[in-house]
Structure formats: C-alpha cells, structure tokens
C-alpha cells in the first residue's frame, strides 16, 4: 500500500507539473502572438513581451536544470544576438509625436523590415515550442506506459515472491525431514559398523582357532610319519641281511593294517596266497637277478591305515 500511495503521489505531481507546463506554454504562445500583432501594428511591445514571460511563473520552474529555464536562456541569447537597431529599443511608442517639436524621424521601411524579421523568428519559435510540446506529450505517454508496465511487473514479482516463499517453506520442511532421515541412517550405520567389527573379530578368532587346529593336525601327522619312518628303517634293518635267492624275487606284497598295535605278519609266509600278485617279469631277468640280496621297503600312505610292503631281491 505504501508503494502504491507513492506511485499515486508521483502521478499527481506529474499531472500538476504537466498542467503547469501546458499553461505556461499556452501563456507564452499567447504572449508571443500578441507581441507579434503589436509589433506589426507598430506598438512598442518588444520589452513588454519579455516582461510577460516572467509573470505568473511557478517557483520550481526557475531551477537552472529545468528545460524551461534553458528555453528561456536560449530565447534570451537569441534576442541578444538579434537586437533591433538603437532607435527601436525604446519604451515609448514608435509612432512620430503629435507635436511639431524636434522629434527624431523614424524610418518606416527599416521598422517594417525589422518587424517582419521578428515575426519570422517568433513563428519559428512557436513551431519549435509546439514540437517540444508534442515531444513532451509523447514522453509523458511513454513514461506512463512504462510506469504501468513497472506496476504490472511489481504485481507479478509480488505474486512470484509469494510462490517463492511457499516453495521455501516446503523446501524447509523437506530439508528438516532429510536431516532427520540422515541422522537415523547415520545411527543405523554406526550399529552396522559395530556389528561388522564384532563379526570380523569372531571371524579372526575362528580363523586363528582353525589354523591352530590345522597346525596341531600337521604336527600329529608329522609325528606319525616320523614314527612310521622309524618303523620302516627298523624293518629295513631286519630284512636287509643276505639270503638265498628266491624264485619270486620282484613280487609285491600288499598288507592291510587295521591299527598300529596289530602284530606285523611275516612277509615270507604270504608267498603263494591269493592277495599276492606278481609283476610278471621275464624269466631271463629273474635268472639275472638271482643271487642278489633281498631288501625290504615300507611305504606309509597319508591315510595312516594302509601299509604297502615292497620286497626286492
């Protein structure tokens, strides 16, 4: 409401100013016409026309920055440039005196030429002022149109401002909800991280336990392997003595052992049984291999339950 009142005051001020300008222009035009008519009729109205321009003028038009002050200054300069001859610059009438005294004679032809020149100048001045009036009217109409557009733009801006305020309020609500949701997610993330750390710790403990079990099992297997190697070396020492050649030299005997504490069977008594198989070596090579000392090799598989005994001549 405050802006609208200021705009109305501005419109009233412009209207009053325009009316004053129009009145002044009309007064100047009337004064100019009267001065021209008076000069054509031979009346001494050159100075009176200048005097009528300053009568009844508003106070604010005396501003040195106003257009009317500049117009008055231009007119004064023009009149100073086109001053009439000295015999016509007098306040008295230009007509010869009625008495027969020693009055100066006046050249009527020169006065007519001067008045004609003044009439032309005043008419050009009138046309220039009329054109300036039209220019000011166009300017006033343009300014009024611009003001109407500015008022419409102001109203649209106010409507857009209301919309933007509502959007800001909605965005504030959404932002509050987003902040709340972010805090909830952060708390849930902290819980998940704690659970993940706990699971990693348990996994590390399980891995360590499993690795320790594997190392213990490998240690037990190594001990068992060493035990069987010792047994193998003992058997090698027992069967490593020289003996008479055997016709079945090169055969392989396989024995299944169910437990480590079961008595070992004599490998010599298992000759000719069903579980004995031969390599079917040629008789010539058997004959060549006769006379060699018999040796025993014991191989322990990784399962620990089966033991194969190879006997070579």
C-alpha atoms as a PDB file:
ATOM      1  CA  UNK A   1       0.000   0.000   0.000  1.00  0.00           C
ATOM      2  CA  UNK A   2       2.887   2.343   0.712  1.00  0.00           C
ATOM      3  CA  UNK A   3       4.386   1.831  -2.761  1.00  0.00           C
ATOM      4  CA  UNK A   4       1.002   2.316  -4.390  1.00  0.00           C
ATOM      5  CA  UNK A   5       0.447   5.601  -2.498  1.00  0.00           C
ATOM      6  CA  UNK A   6       3.884   6.804  -3.564  1.00  0.00           C
ATOM      7  CA  UNK A   7       3.016   5.950  -7.161  1.00  0.00           C
ATOM      8  CA  UNK A   8      -0.252   7.865  -6.948  1.00  0.00           C
ATOM      9  CA  UNK A   9       1.545  10.856  -5.495  1.00  0.00           C
ATOM     10  CA  UNK A  10       4.069  10.643  -8.317  1.00  0.00           C
ATOM     11  CA  UNK A  11       1.239  10.569 -10.866  1.00  0.00           C
ATOM     12  CA  UNK A  12      -0.468  13.569  -9.254  1.00  0.00           C
ATOM     13  CA  UNK A  13       2.784  15.507  -9.194  1.00  0.00           C
ATOM     14  CA  UNK A  14       3.475  14.726 -12.838  1.00  0.00           C
ATOM     15  CA  UNK A  15      -0.057  15.676 -13.800  1.00  0.00           C
ATOM     16  CA  UNK A  16       0.176  19.006 -11.977  1.00  0.00           C
ATOM     17  CA  UNK A  17       3.573  19.654 -13.486  1.00  0.00           C
ATOM     18  CA  UNK A  18       2.305  18.840 -16.954  1.00  0.00           C
ATOM     19  CA  UNK A  19      -0.690  21.134 -16.484  1.00  0.00           C
ATOM     20  CA  UNK A  20       1.599  23.929 -15.329  1.00  0.00           C
ATOM     21  CA  UNK A  21       3.841  23.350 -18.323  1.00  0.00           C
ATOM     22  CA  UNK A  22       0.901  23.426 -20.682  1.00  0.00           C
ATOM     23  CA  UNK A  23      -0.406  26.609 -19.085  1.00  0.00           C
ATOM     24  CA  UNK A  24       2.994  28.221 -19.328  1.00  0.00           C
ATOM     25  CA  UNK A  25       3.399  27.206 -22.956  1.00  0.00           C
ATOM     26  CA  UNK A  26      -0.052  28.493 -23.740  1.00  0.00           C
ATOM     27  CA  UNK A  27       0.717  31.786 -21.981  1.00  0.00           C
ATOM     28  CA  UNK A  28       3.979  32.121 -23.842  1.00  0.00           C
ATOM     29  CA  UNK A  29       2.295  31.341 -27.123  1.00  0.00           C
ATOM     30  CA  UNK A  30      -0.433  33.881 -26.451  1.00  0.00           C
ATOM     31  CA  UNK A  31       2.108  36.483 -25.384  1.00  0.00           C
ATOM     32  CA  UNK A  32       4.186  35.801 -28.475  1.00  0.00           C
ATOM     33  CA  UNK A  33       1.159  36.168 -30.728  1.00  0.00           C
ATOM     34  CA  UNK A  34       0.138  39.364 -29.005  1.00  0.00           C
ATOM     35  CA  UNK A  35       3.669  40.733 -29.258  1.00  0.00           C
ATOM     36  CA  UNK A  36       3.822  39.900 -32.937  1.00  0.00           C
ATOM     37  CA  UNK A  37       0.480  41.552 -33.568  1.00  0.00           C
ATOM     38  CA  UNK A  38       1.517  44.593 -31.547  1.00  0.00           C
ATOM     39  CA  UNK A  39       4.805  44.866 -33.374  1.00  0.00           C
ATOM     40  CA  UNK A  40       3.077  44.540 -36.721  1.00  0.00           C
ATOM     41  CA  UNK A  41       0.667  47.280 -35.673  1.00  0.00           C
ATOM     42  CA  UNK A  42       3.618  49.495 -34.674  1.00  0.00           C
ATOM     43  CA  UNK A  43       3.263  49.176 -30.925  1.00  0.00           C
ATOM     44  CA  UNK A  44       6.367  49.213 -28.696  1.00  0.00           C
ATOM     45  CA  UNK A  45       5.924  45.655 -27.329  1.00  0.00           C
ATOM     46  CA  UNK A  46       9.428  44.231 -27.607  1.00  0.00           C
ATOM     47  CA  UNK A  47      10.238  44.667 -23.936  1.00  0.00           C
ATOM     48  CA  UNK A  48       6.686  44.057 -22.799  1.00  0.00           C
ATOM     49  CA  UNK A  49       6.770  40.591 -24.385  1.00  0.00           C
ATOM     50  CA  UNK A  50       9.857  39.743 -22.365  1.00  0.00           C
ATOM     51  CA  UNK A  51       8.148  41.030 -19.245  1.00  0.00           C
ATOM     52  CA  UNK A  52       5.071  38.866 -19.778  1.00  0.00           C
ATOM     53  CA  UNK A  53       7.119  35.679 -19.885  1.00  0.00           C
ATOM     54  CA  UNK A  54       8.277  36.013 -16.284  1.00  0.00           C
ATOM     55  CA  UNK A  55       4.846  36.879 -14.867  1.00  0.00           C
ATOM     56  CA  UNK A  56       2.934  34.130 -13.063  1.00  0.00           C
ATOM     57  CA  UNK A  57       5.691  31.534 -13.459  1.00  0.00           C
ATOM     58  CA  UNK A  58       5.832  28.852 -10.711  1.00  0.00           C
ATOM     59  CA  UNK A  59       8.775  28.906  -8.358  1.00  0.00           C
ATOM     60  CA  UNK A  60      10.128  25.463  -9.236  1.00  0.00           C
ATOM     61  CA  UNK A  61      10.473  26.395 -12.921  1.00  0.00           C
ATOM     62  CA  UNK A  62      13.273  28.782 -12.016  1.00  0.00           C
ATOM     63  CA  UNK A  63      15.513  25.782 -11.454  1.00  0.00           C
ATOM     64  CA  UNK A  64      18.640  26.050 -13.548  1.00  0.00           C
ATOM     65  CA  UNK A  65      18.412  22.369 -14.516  1.00  0.00           C
ATOM     66  CA  UNK A  66      14.849  22.562 -15.859  1.00  0.00           C
ATOM     67  CA  UNK A  67      14.023  22.604 -19.536  1.00  0.00           C
ATOM     68  CA  UNK A  68      12.053  25.847 -19.305  1.00  0.00           C
ATOM     69  CA  UNK A  69      14.954  27.682 -17.753  1.00  0.00           C
ATOM     70  CA  UNK A  70      17.144  26.512 -20.594  1.00  0.00           C
ATOM     71  CA  UNK A  71      14.477  27.536 -23.123  1.00  0.00           C
ATOM     72  CA  UNK A  72      14.260  30.987 -21.551  1.00  0.00           C
ATOM     73  CA  UNK A  73      18.031  31.257 -21.598  1.00  0.00           C
ATOM     74  CA  UNK A  74      18.139  30.249 -25.266  1.00  0.00           C
ATOM     75  CA  UNK A  75      15.457  32.807 -26.090  1.00  0.00           C
ATOM     76  CA  UNK A  76      17.391  35.494 -24.212  1.00  0.00           C
ATOM     77  CA  UNK A  77      20.575  34.631 -26.087  1.00  0.00           C
ATOM     78  CA  UNK A  78      18.672  34.670 -29.385  1.00  0.00           C
ATOM     79  CA  UNK A  79      17.198  38.057 -28.619  1.00  0.00           C
ATOM     80  CA  UNK A  80      20.635  39.325 -27.585  1.00  0.00           C
ATOM     81  CA  UNK A  81      22.052  38.188 -30.906  1.00  0.00           C
ATOM     82  CA  UNK A  82      19.227  39.747 -32.931  1.00  0.00           C
ATOM     83  CA  UNK A  83      18.923  43.057 -31.124  1.00  0.00           C
ATOM     84  CA  UNK A  84      16.986  45.702 -33.069  1.00  0.00           C
ATOM     85  CA  UNK A  85      18.628  48.973 -34.055  1.00  0.00           C
ATOM     86  CA  UNK A  86      19.085  51.542 -31.268  1.00  0.00           C
ATOM     87  CA  UNK A  87      16.267  53.747 -32.481  1.00  0.00           C
ATOM     88  CA  UNK A  88      13.765  50.889 -31.900  1.00  0.00           C
ATOM     89  CA  UNK A  89      14.990  49.954 -28.415  1.00  0.00           C
ATOM     90  CA  UNK A  90      12.744  52.393 -26.595  1.00  0.00           C
ATOM     91  CA  UNK A  91       9.802  52.042 -24.297  1.00  0.00           C
ATOM     92  CA  UNK A  92       7.784  54.828 -25.912  1.00  0.00           C
ATOM     93  CA  UNK A  93       5.647  54.454 -28.973  1.00  0.00           C
ATOM     94  CA  UNK A  94       7.364  54.172 -32.309  1.00  0.00           C
ATOM     95  CA  UNK A  95       4.879  56.474 -33.958  1.00  0.00           C
ATOM     96  CA  UNK A  96       6.047  60.047 -34.550  1.00  0.00           C
ATOM     97  CA  UNK A  97       4.993  62.536 -31.868  1.00  0.00           C
ATOM     98  CA  UNK A  98       1.883  64.619 -32.370  1.00  0.00           C
ATOM     99  CA  UNK A  99       3.627  67.909 -31.629  1.00  0.00           C
ATOM    100  CA  UNK A 100       5.794  69.704 -34.117  1.00  0.00           C
ATOM    101  CA  UNK A 101       8.826  69.711 -31.830  1.00  0.00           C
ATOM    102  CA  UNK A 102      12.321  68.498 -32.628  1.00  0.00           C
ATOM    103  CA  UNK A 103      11.416  64.749 -32.593  1.00  0.00           C
ATOM    104  CA  UNK A 104      13.672  62.336 -34.462  1.00  0.00           C
ATOM    105  CA  UNK A 105      12.314  60.991 -37.648  1.00  0.00           C
ATOM    106  CA  UNK A 106      11.714  57.234 -37.850  1.00  0.00           C
ATOM    107  CA  UNK A 107      12.405  55.194 -40.976  1.00  0.00           C
ATOM    108  CA  UNK A 108       9.227  53.225 -41.573  1.00  0.00           C
ATOM    109  CA  UNK A 109      10.822  50.867 -44.109  1.00  0.00           C
ATOM    110  CA  UNK A 110      13.533  49.834 -41.672  1.00  0.00           C
ATOM    111  CA  UNK A 111      10.949  49.340 -38.937  1.00  0.00           C
ATOM    112  CA  UNK A 112       8.842  47.150 -41.219  1.00  0.00           C
ATOM    113  CA  UNK A 113      11.817  45.018 -42.164  1.00  0.00           C
ATOM    114  CA  UNK A 114      12.736  44.588 -38.533  1.00  0.00           C
ATOM    115  CA  UNK A 115       9.184  43.666 -37.580  1.00  0.00           C
ATOM    116  CA  UNK A 116       8.962  41.191 -40.416  1.00  0.00           C
ATOM    117  CA  UNK A 117      12.163  39.577 -39.236  1.00  0.00           C
ATOM    118  CA  UNK A 118      10.796  39.436 -35.708  1.00  0.00           C
ATOM    119  CA  UNK A 119       7.562  37.861 -36.948  1.00  0.00           C
ATOM    120  CA  UNK A 120       9.509  35.123 -38.747  1.00  0.00           C
ATOM    121  CA  UNK A 121      11.603  34.468 -35.662  1.00  0.00           C
ATOM    122  CA  UNK A 122       8.571  34.307 -33.422  1.00  0.00           C
ATOM    123  CA  UNK A 123       6.755  31.980 -35.773  1.00  0.00           C
ATOM    124  CA  UNK A 124       9.774  29.677 -35.865  1.00  0.00           C
ATOM    125  CA  UNK A 125       9.918  29.912 -32.101  1.00  0.00           C
ATOM    126  CA  UNK A 126       6.228  28.996 -31.889  1.00  0.00           C
ATOM    127  CA  UNK A 127       6.752  25.990 -34.146  1.00  0.00           C
ATOM    128  CA  UNK A 128       9.735  24.880 -32.106  1.00  0.00           C
ATOM    129  CA  UNK A 129       7.750  25.191 -28.891  1.00  0.00           C
ATOM    130  CA  UNK A 130       4.856  23.261 -30.399  1.00  0.00           C
ATOM    131  CA  UNK A 131       7.226  20.487 -31.443  1.00  0.00           C
ATOM    132  CA  UNK A 132       8.684  20.462 -27.939  1.00  0.00           C
ATOM    133  CA  UNK A 133       5.180  20.214 -26.515  1.00  0.00           C
ATOM    134  CA  UNK A 134       4.461  17.225 -28.730  1.00  0.00           C
ATOM    135  CA  UNK A 135       7.754  15.659 -27.709  1.00  0.00           C
ATOM    136  CA  UNK A 136       6.895  16.114 -24.058  1.00  0.00           C
ATOM    137  CA  UNK A 137       3.451  14.638 -24.631  1.00  0.00           C
ATOM    138  CA  UNK A 138       4.994  11.599 -26.273  1.00  0.00           C
ATOM    139  CA  UNK A 139       7.485  11.371 -23.453  1.00  0.00           C
ATOM    140  CA  UNK A 140       4.685  11.591 -20.896  1.00  0.00           C
ATOM    141  CA  UNK A 141       2.706   8.859 -22.654  1.00  0.00           C
ATOM    142  CA  UNK A 142       5.809   6.683 -22.865  1.00  0.00           C
ATOM    143  CA  UNK A 143       6.600   7.224 -19.207  1.00  0.00           C
ATOM    144  CA  UNK A 144       3.026   6.413 -18.234  1.00  0.00           C
ATOM    145  CA  UNK A 145       3.166   3.209 -20.272  1.00  0.00           C
ATOM    146  CA  UNK A 146       6.491   2.306 -18.675  1.00  0.00           C
ATOM    147  CA  UNK A 147       5.017   3.025 -15.264  1.00  0.00           C
ATOM    148  CA  UNK A 148       2.047   0.769 -15.972  1.00  0.00           C
ATOM    149  CA  UNK A 149       4.430  -1.952 -17.097  1.00  0.00           C
ATOM    150  CA  UNK A 150       6.517  -1.438 -13.969  1.00  0.00           C
ATOM    151  CA  UNK A 151       3.402  -1.682 -11.797  1.00  0.00           C
ATOM    152  CA  UNK A 152       2.371  -4.884 -13.566  1.00  0.00           C
ATOM    153  CA  UNK A 153       5.880  -6.245 -13.172  1.00  0.00           C
ATOM    154  CA  UNK A 154       5.765  -5.320  -9.499  1.00  0.00           C
ATOM    155  CA  UNK A 155       2.494  -7.194  -9.065  1.00  0.00           C
ATOM    156  CA  UNK A 156       3.875 -10.202 -10.903  1.00  0.00           C
ATOM    157  CA  UNK A 157       7.003 -10.040  -8.777  1.00  0.00           C
ATOM    158  CA  UNK A 158       4.880  -9.945  -5.629  1.00  0.00           C
ATOM    159  CA  UNK A 159       2.941 -12.988  -6.829  1.00  0.00           C
ATOM    160  CA  UNK A 160       6.180 -14.759  -7.692  1.00  0.00           C
ATOM    161  CA  UNK A 161       7.548 -13.741  -4.308  1.00  0.00           C
ATOM    162  CA  UNK A 162       4.568 -15.369  -2.611  1.00  0.00           C
ATOM    163  CA  UNK A 163       5.128 -18.521  -4.647  1.00  0.00           C
ATOM    164  CA  UNK A 164       8.820 -18.499  -3.813  1.00  0.00           C
ATOM    165  CA  UNK A 165       8.032 -18.089  -0.137  1.00  0.00           C
ATOM    166  CA  UNK A 166       5.703 -21.082  -0.244  1.00  0.00           C
ATOM    167  CA  UNK A 167       8.378 -23.056  -2.087  1.00  0.00           C
ATOM    168  CA  UNK A 168      10.930 -22.051   0.526  1.00  0.00           C
ATOM    169  CA  UNK A 169       8.586 -23.223   3.285  1.00  0.00           C
ATOM    170  CA  UNK A 170       8.066 -26.569   1.530  1.00  0.00           C
ATOM    171  CA  UNK A 171      11.799 -26.945   0.983  1.00  0.00           C
ATOM    172  CA  UNK A 172      12.406 -26.181   4.652  1.00  0.00           C
ATOM    173  CA  UNK A 173      10.037 -28.980   5.614  1.00  0.00           C
ATOM    174  CA  UNK A 174      11.715 -31.364   3.182  1.00  0.00           C
ATOM    175  CA  UNK A 175      15.109 -30.312   4.492  1.00  0.00           C
ATOM    176  CA  UNK A 176      14.067 -30.996   8.083  1.00  0.00           C
ATOM    177  CA  UNK A 177      12.800 -34.427   7.065  1.00  0.00           C
ATOM    178  CA  UNK A 178      16.011 -35.118   5.169  1.00  0.00           C
ATOM    179  CA  UNK A 179      18.137 -34.106   8.156  1.00  0.00           C
ATOM    180  CA  UNK A 180      16.102 -36.362  10.443  1.00  0.00           C
ATOM    181  CA  UNK A 181      16.381 -39.257   7.996  1.00  0.00           C
ATOM    182  CA  UNK A 182      20.126 -38.665   7.690  1.00  0.00           C
ATOM    183  CA  UNK A 183      20.546 -38.863  11.460  1.00  0.00           C
ATOM    184  CA  UNK A 184      18.570 -42.121  11.563  1.00  0.00           C
ATOM    185  CA  UNK A 185      20.677 -43.587   8.772  1.00  0.00           C
ATOM    186  CA  UNK A 186      23.873 -42.480  10.489  1.00  0.00           C
ATOM    187  CA  UNK A 187      22.818 -44.168  13.736  1.00  0.00           C
ATOM    188  CA  UNK A 188      21.916 -47.331  11.803  1.00  0.00           C
ATOM    189  CA  UNK A 189      25.261 -47.113  10.014  1.00  0.00           C
ATOM    190  CA  UNK A 190      27.091 -46.932  13.346  1.00  0.00           C
ATOM    191  CA  UNK A 191      25.227 -50.010  14.562  1.00  0.00           C
ATOM    192  CA  UNK A 192      26.076 -51.882  11.358  1.00  0.00           C
ATOM    193  CA  UNK A 193      29.720 -50.897  11.694  1.00  0.00           C
ATOM    194  CA  UNK A 194      29.813 -52.174  15.266  1.00  0.00           C
ATOM    195  CA  UNK A 195      28.216 -55.454  14.191  1.00  0.00           C
ATOM    196  CA  UNK A 196      30.676 -55.732  11.304  1.00  0.00           C
ATOM    197  CA  UNK A 197      33.609 -55.177  13.675  1.00  0.00           C
ATOM    198  CA  UNK A 198      32.234 -57.846  16.021  1.00  0.00           C
ATOM    199  CA  UNK A 199      31.786 -60.286  13.136  1.00  0.00           C
ATOM    200  CA  UNK A 200      35.307 -59.573  11.902  1.00  0.00           C
ATOM    201  CA  UNK A 201      36.652 -60.217  15.383  1.00  0.00           C
ATOM    202  CA  UNK A 202      34.768 -63.523  15.587  1.00  0.00           C
ATOM    203  CA  UNK A 203      35.979 -64.440  12.115  1.00  0.00           C
ATOM    204  CA  UNK A 204      39.560 -63.683  13.118  1.00  0.00           C
ATOM    205  CA  UNK A 205      39.192 -65.827  16.224  1.00  0.00           C
ATOM    206  CA  UNK A 206      37.697 -68.682  14.200  1.00  0.00           C
ATOM    207  CA  UNK A 207      40.483 -68.440  11.650  1.00  0.00           C
ATOM    208  CA  UNK A 208      43.111 -68.452  14.365  1.00  0.00           C
ATOM    209  CA  UNK A 209      41.453 -71.462  16.019  1.00  0.00           C
ATOM    210  CA  UNK A 210      41.186 -73.269  12.693  1.00  0.00           C
ATOM    211  CA  UNK A 211      44.797 -72.510  11.827  1.00  0.00           C
ATOM    212  CA  UNK A 212      45.903 -73.741  15.249  1.00  0.00           C
ATOM    213  CA  UNK A 213      43.884 -76.944  14.719  1.00  0.00           C
ATOM    214  CA  UNK A 214      45.474 -77.389  11.293  1.00  0.00           C
ATOM    215  CA  UNK A 215      48.938 -76.852  12.731  1.00  0.00           C
ATOM    216  CA  UNK A 216      48.208 -79.355  15.528  1.00  0.00           C
ATOM    217  CA  UNK A 217      46.940 -81.899  12.985  1.00  0.00           C
ATOM    218  CA  UNK A 218      50.025 -81.351  10.827  1.00  0.00           C
ATOM    219  CA  UNK A 219      52.173 -81.826  13.908  1.00  0.00           C
ATOM    220  CA  UNK A 220      50.393 -85.087  14.725  1.00  0.00           C
ATOM    221  CA  UNK A 221      50.736 -86.287  11.141  1.00  0.00           C
ATOM    222  CA  UNK A 222      54.411 -85.377  11.180  1.00  0.00           C
ATOM    223  CA  UNK A 223      54.881 -87.325  14.400  1.00  0.00           C
ATOM    224  CA  UNK A 224      53.029 -90.328  12.930  1.00  0.00           C
ATOM    225  CA  UNK A 225      55.107 -90.088   9.754  1.00  0.00           C
ATOM    226  CA  UNK A 226      58.304 -89.989  11.750  1.00  0.00           C
ATOM    227  CA  UNK A 227      57.098 -92.996  13.756  1.00  0.00           C
ATOM    228  CA  UNK A 228      56.376 -94.966  10.609  1.00  0.00           C
ATOM    229  CA  UNK A 229      59.716 -93.913   9.131  1.00  0.00           C
ATOM    230  CA  UNK A 230      61.428 -95.230  12.219  1.00  0.00           C
ATOM    231  CA  UNK A 231      59.458 -98.466  11.881  1.00  0.00           C
ATOM    232  CA  UNK A 232      60.387 -98.641   8.199  1.00  0.00           C
ATOM    233  CA  UNK A 233      64.054 -98.222   8.978  1.00  0.00           C
ATOM    234  CA  UNK A 234      63.800-100.931  11.648  1.00  0.00           C
ATOM    235  CA  UNK A 235      62.170-103.301   9.146  1.00  0.00           C
ATOM    236  CA  UNK A 236      64.843-102.471   6.598  1.00  0.00           C
ATOM    237  CA  UNK A 237      67.475-103.333   9.131  1.00  0.00           C
ATOM    238  CA  UNK A 238      65.713-106.626   9.943  1.00  0.00           C
ATOM    239  CA  UNK A 239      65.260-107.780   6.330  1.00  0.00           C
ATOM    240  CA  UNK A 240      68.473-106.297   5.000  1.00  0.00           C
ATOM    241  CA  UNK A 241      70.579-109.442   5.626  1.00  0.00           C
ATOM    242  CA  UNK A 242      71.717-111.552   2.675  1.00  0.00           C
ATOM    243  CA  UNK A 243      69.822-114.782   1.979  1.00  0.00           C
ATOM    244  CA  UNK A 244      69.356-117.409  -0.684  1.00  0.00           C
ATOM    245  CA  UNK A 245      67.775-116.257  -3.956  1.00  0.00           C
ATOM    246  CA  UNK A 246      64.051-116.721  -4.109  1.00  0.00           C
ATOM    247  CA  UNK A 247      62.244-117.588  -7.365  1.00  0.00           C
ATOM    248  CA  UNK A 248      59.614-114.932  -6.644  1.00  0.00           C
ATOM    249  CA  UNK A 249      62.052-112.065  -6.349  1.00  0.00           C
ATOM    250  CA  UNK A 250      60.474-108.808  -7.524  1.00  0.00           C
ATOM    251  CA  UNK A 251      56.963-109.628  -6.348  1.00  0.00           C
ATOM    252  CA  UNK A 252      55.000-107.021  -4.411  1.00  0.00           C
ATOM    253  CA  UNK A 253      53.099-107.897  -1.276  1.00  0.00           C
ATOM    254  CA  UNK A 254      50.273-105.708  -0.024  1.00  0.00           C
ATOM    255  CA  UNK A 255      49.145-105.847   3.535  1.00  0.00           C
ATOM    256  CA  UNK A 256      46.200-104.071   5.117  1.00  0.00           C
ATOM    257  CA  UNK A 257      46.784-102.934   8.658  1.00  0.00           C
ATOM    258  CA  UNK A 258      43.722-102.021  10.707  1.00  0.00           C
ATOM    259  CA  UNK A 259      45.539-100.486  13.667  1.00  0.00           C
ATOM    260  CA  UNK A 260      49.027 -99.528  14.665  1.00  0.00           C
ATOM    261  CA  UNK A 261      49.133-102.026  17.588  1.00  0.00           C
ATOM    262  CA  UNK A 262      48.307-105.164  15.471  1.00  0.00           C
ATOM    263  CA  UNK A 263      51.247-107.591  15.138  1.00  0.00           C
ATOM    264  CA  UNK A 264      53.103-107.469  11.880  1.00  0.00           C
ATOM    265  CA  UNK A 265      52.839-110.589   9.812  1.00  0.00           C
ATOM    266  CA  UNK A 266      55.752-112.314   8.323  1.00  0.00           C
ATOM    267  CA  UNK A 267      56.047-111.249   4.713  1.00  0.00           C
ATOM    268  CA  UNK A 268      57.737-114.586   3.837  1.00  0.00           C
ATOM    269  CA  UNK A 269      54.725-116.686   4.855  1.00  0.00           C
ATOM    270  CA  UNK A 270      52.411-114.776   2.454  1.00  0.00           C
ATOM    271  CA  UNK A 271      54.047-116.247  -0.669  1.00  0.00           C
ATOM    272  CA  UNK A 272      51.634-118.107  -2.878  1.00  0.00           C
ATOM    273  CA  UNK A 273      48.467-116.679  -1.329  1.00  0.00           C
ATOM    274  CA  UNK A 274      45.569-115.070  -3.248  1.00  0.00           C
ATOM    275  CA  UNK A 275      46.458-111.485  -2.415  1.00  0.00           C
ATOM    276  CA  UNK A 276      49.994-111.848  -3.787  1.00  0.00           C
ATOM    277  CA  UNK A 277      50.459-110.548  -7.311  1.00  0.00           C
ATOM    278  CA  UNK A 278      53.494-110.636  -9.492  1.00  0.00           C
ATOM    279  CA  UNK A 279      54.934-108.102 -11.859  1.00  0.00           C
ATOM    280  CA  UNK A 280      55.275-110.819 -14.494  1.00  0.00           C
ATOM    281  CA  UNK A 281      58.914-110.036 -15.028  1.00  0.00           C
ATOM    282  CA  UNK A 282      60.661-112.127 -17.750  1.00  0.00           C
ATOM    283  CA  UNK A 283      62.375-115.329 -16.664  1.00  0.00           C
ATOM    284  CA  UNK A 284      65.647-114.153 -18.156  1.00  0.00           C
ATOM    285  CA  UNK A 285      65.704-111.099 -15.926  1.00  0.00           C
ATOM    286  CA  UNK A 286      64.745-113.291 -12.978  1.00  0.00           C
ATOM    287  CA  UNK A 287      67.682-115.502 -13.721  1.00  0.00           C
ATOM    288  CA  UNK A 288      69.894-112.469 -13.972  1.00  0.00           C
ATOM    289  CA  UNK A 289      68.571-111.094 -10.660  1.00  0.00           C
ATOM    290  CA  UNK A 290      69.238-114.319  -8.763  1.00  0.00           C
ATOM    291  CA  UNK A 291      71.949-114.132  -6.243  1.00  0.00           C
ATOM    292  CA  UNK A 292      71.167-110.581  -5.175  1.00  0.00           C
ATOM    293  CA  UNK A 293      70.466-109.837  -1.553  1.00  0.00           C
ATOM    294  CA  UNK A 294      66.843-109.295  -0.562  1.00  0.00           C
ATOM    295  CA  UNK A 295      65.822-105.888   0.861  1.00  0.00           C
ATOM    296  CA  UNK A 296      62.511-104.644   2.313  1.00  0.00           C
ATOM    297  CA  UNK A 297      60.965-101.166   1.817  1.00  0.00           C
ATOM    298  CA  UNK A 298      57.952 -99.981   3.750  1.00  0.00           C
ATOM    299  CA  UNK A 299      55.805 -97.165   2.337  1.00  0.00           C
ATOM    300  CA  UNK A 300      53.345 -95.342   4.636  1.00  0.00           C
ATOM    301  CA  UNK A 301      50.387 -93.715   2.847  1.00  0.00           C
ATOM    302  CA  UNK A 302      48.890 -90.456   4.134  1.00  0.00           C
ATOM    303  CA  UNK A 303      45.697 -92.104   5.430  1.00  0.00           C
ATOM    304  CA  UNK A 304      47.667 -93.933   8.089  1.00  0.00           C
ATOM    305  CA  UNK A 305      45.598 -97.168   7.778  1.00  0.00           C
ATOM    306  CA  UNK A 306      47.153 -98.911   4.797  1.00  0.00           C
ATOM    307  CA  UNK A 307      50.759-100.011   4.534  1.00  0.00           C
ATOM    308  CA  UNK A 308      52.313-101.469   1.402  1.00  0.00           C
ATOM    309  CA  UNK A 309      55.478-103.576   1.643  1.00  0.00           C
ATOM    310  CA  UNK A 310      57.688-103.969  -1.393  1.00  0.00           C
ATOM    311  CA  UNK A 311      60.214-106.773  -1.375  1.00  0.00           C
ATOM    312  CA  UNK A 312      63.035-106.646  -3.872  1.00  0.00           C
ATOM    313  CA  UNK A 313      65.668-109.313  -4.394  1.00  0.00           C
END
